[in-house]
């Protein structure tokens, strides 16, 4: 019997519109989820928006908006775009939701009563961009590497979460793969971090930030945004709070997180320690992917190398955008893309490759009855997609069939067999139409509408242009 998997993307911060990086993670999650459902495996796919904190408070002030108005607007943009990108998430969690806030307060109250959090003073280098305190070793030339700003030295009264008492247990669970962190280089990175320093107790509240969930035992403090966001992974799946042990253990033991490498440390330290304090299980797996770069650098308006999601959707359409992002490189590594390169890939793989094959086979299949073949073993395709999350390699398996089919057409010349050898012609076309059905089946998680179009074209024996060639 298959156990349900609880798949999450990060809960995206609602201070800015969705971009190519957030789409990359979410499309990957959607492809994995669609594969599970296609093969009758239970999977619950969660995404959403993280809607509290100082950065949102300041952005709302700059825009002369109320924070709730700002997060309502940004959250709506995420939900609209995910629908446009054919993201079939099971649920979309918003941390400004009242039910979520009440459960966060119940956790805080439980932790406070048990002495897991306590009042103290916290001093550290605080990056507003990350909404996170930084170690000096995290900085490059004194600046946050992700936001290129100098963190502020903050000293303030805070409530602190006990961390170090769980450190040895956490190290053991990561070492023994009770908490799997993949690819393995990220497991090594986290173990190196944990084994070479003692985790400090971390601030879980801030006294000056108004836009946040008030602590139930001290209304002068609001909840630090990371704790609030982490708990949404539980509340988004229907967890009702600390008393809901059975549901909590079922969810937490089957968590599968997809995250970017910039948020690995907090997901591999603060989050599992919160779960330990709740007496819940640790995630089944945290899979870490790299950044999308352009010409070897992070996308930046000042460098002129930004490729916007809107630009991709307008130029290539939704299905091609999904394909081009996930085929651009290994999901666990940084991926380098340029508009010129992905335009070439679109023309080669989609217009001339898949699109041309579908058009040729349907056009050549004159008045022959097409039957749906039995499903084949998935082999390497399933290994790459489901186990290793090598979406690029899984797609290469499909494109091998496309290339072999195009070579098979040239070798057997069915347009000549149609006139000279009907028996062989029927056999050749049977193989080609079977290949198209197989391609449609395999490609369904990546490009669901394209898969439907291929099957419809085969059943109606009517050629269609799937991907028109783009003239540069």
Protein backbone atom coordinates (compact mmCIF):
# COMPACT_ATOMS: atom_id res chain seq x y z
CA UNK A 1 0.00 0.00 0.00
CA UNK A 2 1.39 3.41 -1.01
CA UNK A 3 1.79 6.01 1.72
CA UNK A 4 0.69 9.54 0.91
CA UNK A 5 3.55 11.96 0.27
CA UNK A 6 3.25 15.54 1.53
CA UNK A 7 5.15 17.56 -1.05
CA UNK A 8 5.99 21.23 -0.46
CA UNK A 9 7.70 24.06 -2.25
CA UNK A 10 8.94 26.88 -0.04
CA UNK A 11 6.22 29.22 1.16
CA UNK A 12 7.10 32.20 -1.05
CA UNK A 13 7.61 35.60 0.54
CA UNK A 14 4.79 37.98 -0.41
CA UNK A 15 6.76 41.20 -0.81
CA UNK A 16 7.30 40.81 -4.57
CA UNK A 17 5.66 39.20 -7.59
CA UNK A 18 6.50 35.63 -8.73
CA UNK A 19 9.63 35.31 -10.85
CA UNK A 20 11.51 32.71 -12.88
CA UNK A 21 13.14 31.19 -9.76
CA UNK A 22 9.88 30.64 -7.85
CA UNK A 23 8.30 29.24 -11.02
CA UNK A 24 11.23 26.81 -11.45
CA UNK A 25 10.68 25.21 -8.04
CA UNK A 26 6.91 25.11 -8.39
CA UNK A 27 6.91 23.58 -11.88
CA UNK A 28 9.32 20.91 -10.61
CA UNK A 29 6.97 20.14 -7.73
CA UNK A 30 4.01 19.99 -10.10
CA UNK A 31 5.78 17.56 -12.46
CA UNK A 32 6.69 15.25 -9.57
CA UNK A 33 3.13 15.46 -8.22
CA UNK A 34 1.55 14.74 -11.62
CA UNK A 35 3.77 11.68 -12.03
CA UNK A 36 2.61 10.35 -8.65
CA UNK A 37 -1.06 10.81 -9.51
CA UNK A 38 -0.58 9.42 -13.03
CA UNK A 39 0.72 6.21 -11.42
CA UNK A 40 -2.01 6.02 -8.76
CA UNK A 41 0.21 7.12 -5.87
CA UNK A 42 -1.22 9.39 -3.20
CA UNK A 43 0.41 12.82 -3.01
CA UNK A 44 -0.68 16.13 -1.47
CA UNK A 45 1.08 19.14 -3.04
CA UNK A 46 1.32 22.35 -1.00
CA UNK A 47 2.55 25.77 -2.00
CA UNK A 48 1.64 29.22 -0.73
CA UNK A 49 2.76 32.61 0.52
CA UNK A 50 4.62 33.73 3.61
CA UNK A 51 2.93 37.02 4.50
CA UNK A 52 4.36 38.56 7.68
CA UNK A 53 7.50 40.41 8.70
CA UNK A 54 9.43 43.66 8.62
CA UNK A 55 10.18 43.61 4.89
CA UNK A 56 6.46 43.47 4.03
CA UNK A 57 5.67 46.12 6.64
CA UNK A 58 8.24 48.49 5.08
CA UNK A 59 7.20 47.72 1.49
CA UNK A 60 3.54 48.46 2.35
CA UNK A 61 4.57 51.77 3.94
CA UNK A 62 6.53 52.73 0.81
CA UNK A 63 3.51 51.93 -1.37
CA UNK A 64 1.11 53.70 1.03
CA UNK A 65 -0.82 50.46 1.45
CA UNK A 66 -1.88 48.43 4.45
CA UNK A 67 0.22 45.26 4.84
CA UNK A 68 -2.89 43.07 4.40
CA UNK A 69 -3.71 44.84 1.12
CA UNK A 70 -0.17 44.24 -0.14
CA UNK A 71 -0.11 40.53 0.72
CA UNK A 72 -3.62 40.05 -0.71
CA UNK A 73 -2.38 41.53 -3.99
CA UNK A 74 0.86 39.52 -4.14
CA UNK A 75 -0.79 36.26 -3.06
CA UNK A 76 -3.42 36.71 -5.80
CA UNK A 77 -0.60 37.17 -8.35
CA UNK A 78 1.01 33.89 -7.25
CA UNK A 79 -2.27 32.00 -7.44
CA UNK A 80 -3.13 33.46 -10.85
CA UNK A 81 0.30 32.66 -12.29
CA UNK A 82 0.41 29.13 -10.87
CA UNK A 83 -2.95 28.45 -12.51
CA UNK A 84 -1.63 29.87 -15.79
CA UNK A 85 1.46 27.64 -15.52
CA UNK A 86 -0.81 24.58 -15.07
CA UNK A 87 0.34 24.05 -11.47
CA UNK A 88 -2.05 21.49 -9.97
CA UNK A 89 -1.30 22.13 -6.28
CA UNK A 90 -3.69 20.50 -3.82
CA UNK A 91 -3.76 23.50 -1.51
CA UNK A 92 -2.42 27.07 -1.32
CA UNK A 93 -1.61 28.20 2.23
CA UNK A 94 -1.50 31.85 3.28
CA UNK A 95 0.14 32.65 6.61
CA UNK A 96 -2.22 35.60 7.17
CA UNK A 97 -5.08 33.07 7.33
CA UNK A 98 -6.74 33.26 10.77
CA UNK A 99 -6.78 29.46 11.27
CA UNK A 100 -3.04 29.29 10.66
CA UNK A 101 -2.36 32.20 13.03
CA UNK A 102 -4.32 30.59 15.86
CA UNK A 103 -2.36 27.33 15.50
CA UNK A 104 0.96 29.25 15.51
CA UNK A 105 -0.13 30.91 18.76
CA UNK A 106 -1.05 27.52 20.23
CA UNK A 107 2.45 26.22 19.40
CA UNK A 108 4.08 29.31 20.94
CA UNK A 109 2.00 28.95 24.08
CA UNK A 110 2.87 25.23 24.32
CA UNK A 111 6.60 25.96 23.88
CA UNK A 112 6.52 28.77 26.44
CA UNK A 113 4.73 26.64 29.06
CA UNK A 114 7.33 23.88 28.58
CA UNK A 115 10.31 26.28 28.72
CA UNK A 116 11.29 25.56 25.10
CA UNK A 117 11.13 29.30 24.47
CA UNK A 118 12.14 31.88 27.04
CA UNK A 119 12.65 35.63 27.35
CA UNK A 120 16.15 36.95 26.81
CA UNK A 121 18.26 39.34 24.78
CA UNK A 122 19.52 38.66 21.29
CA UNK A 123 22.37 40.39 19.52
CA UNK A 124 23.29 39.67 15.95
CA UNK A 125 23.72 40.88 12.38
CA UNK A 126 20.23 41.16 10.91
CA UNK A 127 19.58 41.21 7.16
CA UNK A 128 16.19 42.76 6.42
CA UNK A 129 16.28 41.24 2.90
CA UNK A 130 16.53 37.70 4.32
CA UNK A 131 14.45 38.46 7.45
CA UNK A 132 17.24 36.51 9.14
CA UNK A 133 20.17 36.92 11.50
CA UNK A 134 23.51 36.19 9.83
CA UNK A 135 26.78 34.73 11.08
CA UNK A 136 29.86 36.81 10.14
CA UNK A 137 31.05 33.75 8.16
CA UNK A 138 27.90 34.01 5.97
CA UNK A 139 28.90 37.46 4.71
CA UNK A 140 31.04 38.43 1.75
CA UNK A 141 33.02 41.62 2.33
CA UNK A 142 30.66 42.34 5.23
CA UNK A 143 27.54 42.09 3.06
CA UNK A 144 24.73 39.55 2.67
CA UNK A 145 25.62 37.59 -0.51
CA UNK A 146 21.96 37.30 -1.56
CA UNK A 147 20.98 40.97 -1.13
CA UNK A 148 24.34 42.77 -1.35
CA UNK A 149 23.54 44.85 1.73
CA UNK A 150 25.34 45.26 5.04
CA UNK A 151 23.31 43.64 7.86
CA UNK A 152 22.38 45.84 10.83
CA UNK A 153 23.79 45.06 14.25
CA UNK A 154 20.63 44.45 16.30
CA UNK A 155 20.44 44.08 20.04
CA UNK A 156 16.94 43.71 21.44
CA UNK A 157 14.76 41.90 23.91
CA UNK A 158 13.42 38.73 22.30
CA UNK A 159 11.97 35.37 23.07
CA UNK A 160 14.45 32.64 22.20
CA UNK A 161 14.00 29.06 20.99
CA UNK A 162 16.30 26.41 22.48
CA UNK A 163 18.47 24.94 19.75
CA UNK A 164 21.72 23.41 21.04
CA UNK A 165 20.04 20.75 23.19
CA UNK A 166 18.76 19.09 20.00
CA UNK A 167 21.97 19.51 17.98
CA UNK A 168 23.53 16.06 18.61
CA UNK A 169 20.26 14.30 17.85
CA UNK A 170 19.87 16.31 14.65
CA UNK A 171 23.41 15.48 13.50
CA UNK A 172 22.74 11.77 14.07
CA UNK A 173 19.46 11.88 12.13
CA UNK A 174 21.12 13.59 9.16
CA UNK A 175 24.14 11.24 9.23
CA UNK A 176 21.92 8.13 9.26
CA UNK A 177 19.55 9.52 6.61
CA UNK A 178 16.58 9.58 8.97
CA UNK A 179 16.48 13.08 7.50
CA UNK A 180 17.65 12.73 3.88
CA UNK A 181 19.25 15.81 2.36
CA UNK A 182 19.93 15.45 -1.35
CA UNK A 183 21.99 15.87 -3.47
CA UNK A 184 24.65 14.48 -1.12
CA UNK A 185 26.89 17.55 -1.34
CA UNK A 186 24.24 19.51 0.58
CA UNK A 187 24.11 16.81 3.28
CA UNK A 188 27.89 17.18 3.67
CA UNK A 189 27.58 20.97 3.78
CA UNK A 190 25.02 20.89 6.61
CA UNK A 191 26.93 18.27 8.61
CA UNK A 192 30.09 20.37 8.32
CA UNK A 193 28.19 23.39 9.63
CA UNK A 194 26.60 21.50 12.53
CA UNK A 195 29.75 19.66 13.58
CA UNK A 196 31.94 22.76 13.71
CA UNK A 197 29.90 25.12 15.87
CA UNK A 198 27.35 25.11 18.65
CA UNK A 199 23.91 26.27 17.57
CA UNK A 200 22.88 29.41 19.41
CA UNK A 201 19.35 29.76 20.74
CA UNK A 202 17.53 31.84 18.12
CA UNK A 203 15.14 34.77 18.39
CA UNK A 204 11.55 33.79 17.59
CA UNK A 205 10.03 37.23 18.23
CA UNK A 206 10.67 40.89 17.51
CA UNK A 207 9.34 43.76 19.63
CA UNK A 208 9.26 46.52 16.99
CA UNK A 209 7.58 44.64 14.15
CA UNK A 210 3.82 45.22 14.12
CA UNK A 211 2.98 43.13 11.06
CA UNK A 212 3.18 39.64 12.52
CA UNK A 213 1.36 37.17 14.75
CA UNK A 214 1.29 38.47 18.37
CA UNK A 215 2.78 36.18 21.01
CA UNK A 216 -0.13 34.88 23.11
CA UNK A 217 1.78 35.51 26.36
CA UNK A 218 3.29 38.89 25.41
CA UNK A 219 1.36 41.17 23.05
CA UNK A 220 4.37 43.54 22.75
CA UNK A 221 6.13 40.92 20.61
CA UNK A 222 5.21 39.44 17.24
CA UNK A 223 6.36 36.08 15.92
CA UNK A 224 9.57 35.96 13.93
CA UNK A 225 8.61 35.27 10.33
CA UNK A 226 10.60 32.03 9.89
CA UNK A 227 8.82 30.16 12.70
CA UNK A 228 5.46 31.34 11.37
CA UNK A 229 6.36 30.18 7.82
CA UNK A 230 7.71 26.77 8.89
CA UNK A 231 4.52 25.92 10.77
CA UNK A 232 2.52 26.58 7.59
CA UNK A 233 3.99 23.32 6.25
CA UNK A 234 1.90 21.59 8.93
CA UNK A 235 -1.18 23.81 8.98
CA UNK A 236 -1.37 23.72 5.18
CA UNK A 237 -1.86 19.95 5.35
CA UNK A 238 -4.63 20.19 7.94
CA UNK A 239 -2.69 19.91 11.21
CA UNK A 240 -4.68 21.43 14.07
CA UNK A 241 -1.94 22.13 16.61
CA UNK A 242 0.22 20.52 19.33
CA UNK A 243 -2.60 18.27 20.51
CA UNK A 244 -3.02 16.81 16.99
CA UNK A 245 -0.21 14.25 17.43
CA UNK A 246 -1.49 11.52 15.12
CA UNK A 247 -2.05 13.83 12.16
CA UNK A 248 1.21 15.67 12.86
CA UNK A 249 3.29 12.47 12.81
CA UNK A 250 1.59 11.20 9.65
CA UNK A 251 2.38 14.45 7.83
CA UNK A 252 5.88 15.10 9.16
CA UNK A 253 7.14 11.56 8.53
CA UNK A 254 6.12 11.81 4.85
CA UNK A 255 7.28 15.36 4.15
CA UNK A 256 9.15 15.93 0.89
CA UNK A 257 10.52 19.47 0.64
CA UNK A 258 11.75 21.08 -2.58
CA UNK A 259 13.85 24.15 -1.75
CA UNK A 260 16.53 26.41 -3.19
CA UNK A 261 20.05 26.19 -1.79
CA UNK A 262 19.85 29.69 -0.27
CA UNK A 263 17.34 28.49 2.36
CA UNK A 264 18.89 25.09 3.06
CA UNK A 265 20.48 25.98 6.41
CA UNK A 266 17.26 27.12 8.09
CA UNK A 267 15.35 24.15 6.64
CA UNK A 268 17.98 21.71 7.91
CA UNK A 269 18.41 23.25 11.39
CA UNK A 270 15.57 25.45 12.68
CA UNK A 271 12.76 23.49 11.02
CA UNK A 272 13.73 19.96 12.18
CA UNK A 273 14.42 21.29 15.68
CA UNK A 274 10.92 22.81 15.78
CA UNK A 275 9.57 19.38 14.81
CA UNK A 276 11.65 17.70 17.52
CA UNK A 277 10.29 20.11 20.14
CA UNK A 278 6.79 19.20 18.92
CA UNK A 279 7.65 15.47 19.30
CA UNK A 280 6.94 14.96 15.59
CA UNK A 281 8.94 13.07 12.96
CA UNK A 282 11.53 14.70 10.73
CA UNK A 283 10.94 15.17 6.99
CA UNK A 284 11.45 12.15 4.75
CA UNK A 285 13.58 14.19 2.35
CA UNK A 286 14.78 17.72 1.67
CA UNK A 287 15.78 18.06 -1.97
CA UNK A 288 17.87 21.12 -2.75
CA UNK A 289 18.18 22.78 -6.14
CA UNK A 290 20.53 25.45 -7.41
CA UNK A 291 19.87 28.94 -8.74
CA UNK A 292 18.91 30.00 -12.23
CA UNK A 293 21.78 32.08 -13.58
CA UNK A 294 22.21 33.98 -16.82
CA UNK A 295 25.67 34.23 -18.39
CA UNK A 296 27.16 32.77 -15.22
CA UNK A 297 25.71 35.41 -12.88
CA UNK A 298 22.55 35.80 -10.80
CA UNK A 299 19.90 37.64 -12.77
CA UNK A 300 20.03 41.38 -12.09
CA UNK A 301 18.47 44.39 -13.78
CA UNK A 302 21.74 46.29 -13.39
CA UNK A 303 23.58 43.54 -15.32
CA UNK A 304 20.86 43.44 -17.99
CA UNK A 305 20.61 39.65 -17.85
CA UNK A 306 17.12 39.24 -16.41
CA UNK A 307 14.76 36.88 -18.22
CA UNK A 308 11.27 37.56 -16.92
CA UNK A 309 8.65 34.87 -16.57
CA UNK A 310 6.20 37.02 -18.53
CA UNK A 311 8.71 37.28 -21.38
CA UNK A 312 9.13 33.50 -21.51
CA UNK A 313 5.39 32.85 -21.45
CA UNK A 314 4.75 35.38 -24.21
CA UNK A 315 7.52 34.09 -26.44
CA UNK A 316 7.26 30.33 -25.90
CA UNK A 317 3.80 29.62 -24.36
CA UNK A 318 3.11 27.82 -21.08
CA UNK A 319 3.96 24.24 -22.08
CA UNK A 320 7.24 25.20 -23.75
CA UNK A 321 8.20 27.35 -20.73
CA UNK A 322 7.71 24.35 -18.42
CA UNK A 323 9.87 22.20 -20.71
CA UNK A 324 12.61 24.78 -21.26
CA UNK A 325 13.11 25.48 -17.54
CA UNK A 326 13.29 21.84 -16.45
CA UNK A 327 15.44 20.70 -19.38
CA UNK A 328 17.99 23.52 -18.92
CA UNK A 329 20.25 21.52 -16.59
CA UNK A 330 20.52 19.40 -13.47
CA UNK A 331 17.89 20.38 -10.88
CA UNK A 332 20.37 19.99 -8.02
CA UNK A 333 22.92 22.41 -9.55
CA UNK A 334 22.92 26.01 -10.73
CA UNK A 335 21.38 26.29 -14.19
CA UNK A 336 22.60 28.87 -16.70
CA UNK A 337 20.10 30.18 -19.25
CA UNK A 338 20.03 32.93 -21.85
CA UNK A 339 17.16 33.91 -24.12
CA UNK A 340 19.25 33.04 -27.18
CA UNK A 341 20.07 29.57 -25.85
CA UNK A 342 16.52 28.66 -24.86
CA UNK A 343 15.18 29.95 -28.19
CA UNK A 344 17.59 27.58 -29.98
CA UNK A 345 16.51 24.74 -27.69
CA UNK A 346 12.83 25.49 -28.35
CA UNK A 347 13.35 25.29 -32.11
CA UNK A 348 15.56 22.18 -31.97
CA UNK A 349 13.65 20.13 -29.39
CA UNK A 350 10.05 21.27 -29.71
CA UNK A 351 9.48 22.74 -33.17
CA UNK A 352 11.87 20.51 -35.18
CA UNK A 353 11.89 17.54 -32.78
CA UNK A 354 8.60 16.71 -31.10
CA UNK A 355 6.35 18.99 -33.16
CA UNK A 356 7.76 17.81 -36.48
CA UNK A 357 7.50 14.13 -35.48
CA UNK A 358 3.82 14.43 -34.51
CA UNK A 359 2.99 16.28 -37.72
CA UNK A 360 4.86 13.78 -39.92
CA UNK A 361 3.42 10.63 -38.32
CA UNK A 362 -0.18 11.86 -38.42
CA UNK A 363 0.19 13.04 -42.03
CA UNK A 364 1.70 9.70 -43.07
CA UNK A 365 -0.88 7.59 -41.26
CA UNK A 366 -3.40 7.55 -44.12
CA UNK A 367 -6.74 6.02 -43.06
CA UNK A 368 -5.12 3.47 -40.76
CA UNK A 369 -6.83 2.52 -37.51
CA UNK A 370 -4.76 3.52 -34.49
CA UNK A 371 -4.85 1.37 -31.39
CA UNK A 372 -3.54 2.40 -27.98
CA UNK A 373 -0.59 0.14 -27.08
CA UNK A 374 -0.04 -1.42 -23.67
CA UNK A 375 2.05 0.63 -21.24
CA UNK A 376 5.78 -0.11 -21.21
CA UNK A 377 8.17 -0.37 -18.28
CA UNK A 378 9.47 3.10 -17.43
CA UNK A 379 13.02 2.07 -16.41
CA UNK A 380 15.50 4.95 -16.36
CA UNK A 381 12.75 7.52 -16.93
CA UNK A 382 11.09 6.72 -13.61
CA UNK A 383 14.43 6.53 -11.79
CA UNK A 384 15.47 9.97 -13.06
CA UNK A 385 12.11 11.66 -12.51
CA UNK A 386 10.80 10.16 -9.28
CA UNK A 387 13.89 9.14 -7.32
CA UNK A 388 16.71 11.42 -8.45
CA UNK A 389 14.69 14.46 -9.56
CA UNK A 390 16.88 14.70 -12.65
CA UNK A 391 14.12 16.20 -14.76
CA UNK A 392 16.60 16.98 -17.52
CA UNK A 393 17.68 13.32 -17.72
CA UNK A 394 14.07 12.09 -17.67
CA UNK A 395 13.31 14.40 -20.59
CA UNK A 396 16.40 13.11 -22.43
CA UNK A 397 14.88 9.60 -22.21
CA UNK A 398 11.76 10.90 -24.01
CA UNK A 399 13.82 12.73 -26.60
CA UNK A 400 15.73 9.55 -27.39
CA UNK A 401 12.40 8.04 -28.53
CA UNK A 402 11.64 11.18 -30.57
CA UNK A 403 15.05 11.11 -32.27
CA UNK A 404 14.88 7.34 -32.91
CA UNK A 405 11.40 7.76 -34.42
CA UNK A 406 12.55 10.52 -36.77
CA UNK A 407 15.52 8.35 -37.86
CA UNK A 408 13.13 5.38 -38.30
CA UNK A 409 10.94 7.45 -40.65
CA UNK A 410 13.92 8.43 -42.81
CA UNK A 411 15.20 4.85 -42.90
CA UNK A 412 11.87 3.21 -43.82
CA UNK A 413 10.33 5.99 -45.99
CA UNK A 414 6.67 5.13 -45.30
CA UNK A 415 5.49 7.54 -48.01
CA UNK A 416 7.03 5.12 -50.53
CA UNK A 417 5.88 1.96 -48.71
CA UNK A 418 2.32 3.27 -48.88
CA UNK A 419 2.43 2.69 -52.63
CA UNK A 420 4.76 -0.30 -52.89
CA UNK A 421 4.32 -2.48 -49.76
CA UNK A 422 1.11 -2.04 -47.77
CA UNK A 423 1.99 -4.77 -45.25
CA UNK A 424 5.31 -3.21 -44.31
CA UNK A 425 3.74 0.27 -44.42
CA UNK A 426 1.17 -0.76 -41.81
CA UNK A 427 3.86 -2.29 -39.60
CA UNK A 428 6.04 0.84 -39.79
CA UNK A 429 3.10 3.13 -38.99
CA UNK A 430 2.03 0.91 -36.12
CA UNK A 431 5.48 1.30 -34.56
CA UNK A 432 5.46 5.08 -35.09
CA UNK A 433 1.97 5.62 -33.67
CA UNK A 434 2.84 3.40 -30.68
CA UNK A 435 5.90 5.57 -30.10
CA UNK A 436 3.74 8.69 -30.18
CA UNK A 437 1.36 7.23 -27.59
CA UNK A 438 4.36 6.37 -25.42
CA UNK A 439 5.80 9.88 -25.82
CA UNK A 440 2.42 11.40 -24.87
CA UNK A 441 2.24 9.19 -21.79
CA UNK A 442 5.76 10.03 -20.63
CA UNK A 443 5.51 13.73 -21.35
CA UNK A 444 2.20 14.16 -19.54
CA UNK A 445 3.66 15.37 -16.18
CA UNK A 446 5.84 17.95 -17.97
CA UNK A 447 3.44 19.18 -20.65
CA UNK A 448 -0.08 17.94 -19.85
CA UNK A 449 -1.86 19.84 -22.66
CA UNK A 450 0.69 18.74 -25.26
CA UNK A 451 0.16 15.12 -24.19
CA UNK A 452 -3.60 15.53 -24.68
CA UNK A 453 -3.10 17.17 -28.09
CA UNK A 454 -0.89 14.29 -29.28
CA UNK A 455 -3.42 11.66 -28.16
CA UNK A 456 -6.30 13.63 -29.72
CA UNK A 457 -4.41 13.97 -33.02
CA UNK A 458 -3.75 10.21 -33.08
CA UNK A 459 -7.36 9.27 -32.34
CA UNK A 460 -8.77 11.76 -34.87
CA UNK A 461 -5.95 11.10 -37.38
CA UNK A 462 -5.67 14.86 -37.83
CA UNK A 463 -2.30 16.62 -37.98
CA UNK A 464 -1.67 19.66 -35.79
CA UNK A 465 1.13 22.19 -35.38
CA UNK A 466 2.16 21.94 -31.74
CA UNK A 467 5.17 24.26 -31.63
CA UNK A 468 5.58 26.77 -34.49
CA UNK A 469 9.20 27.58 -35.22
CA UNK A 470 10.40 30.89 -33.75
CA UNK A 471 12.33 33.19 -36.05
CA UNK A 472 15.02 34.97 -34.02
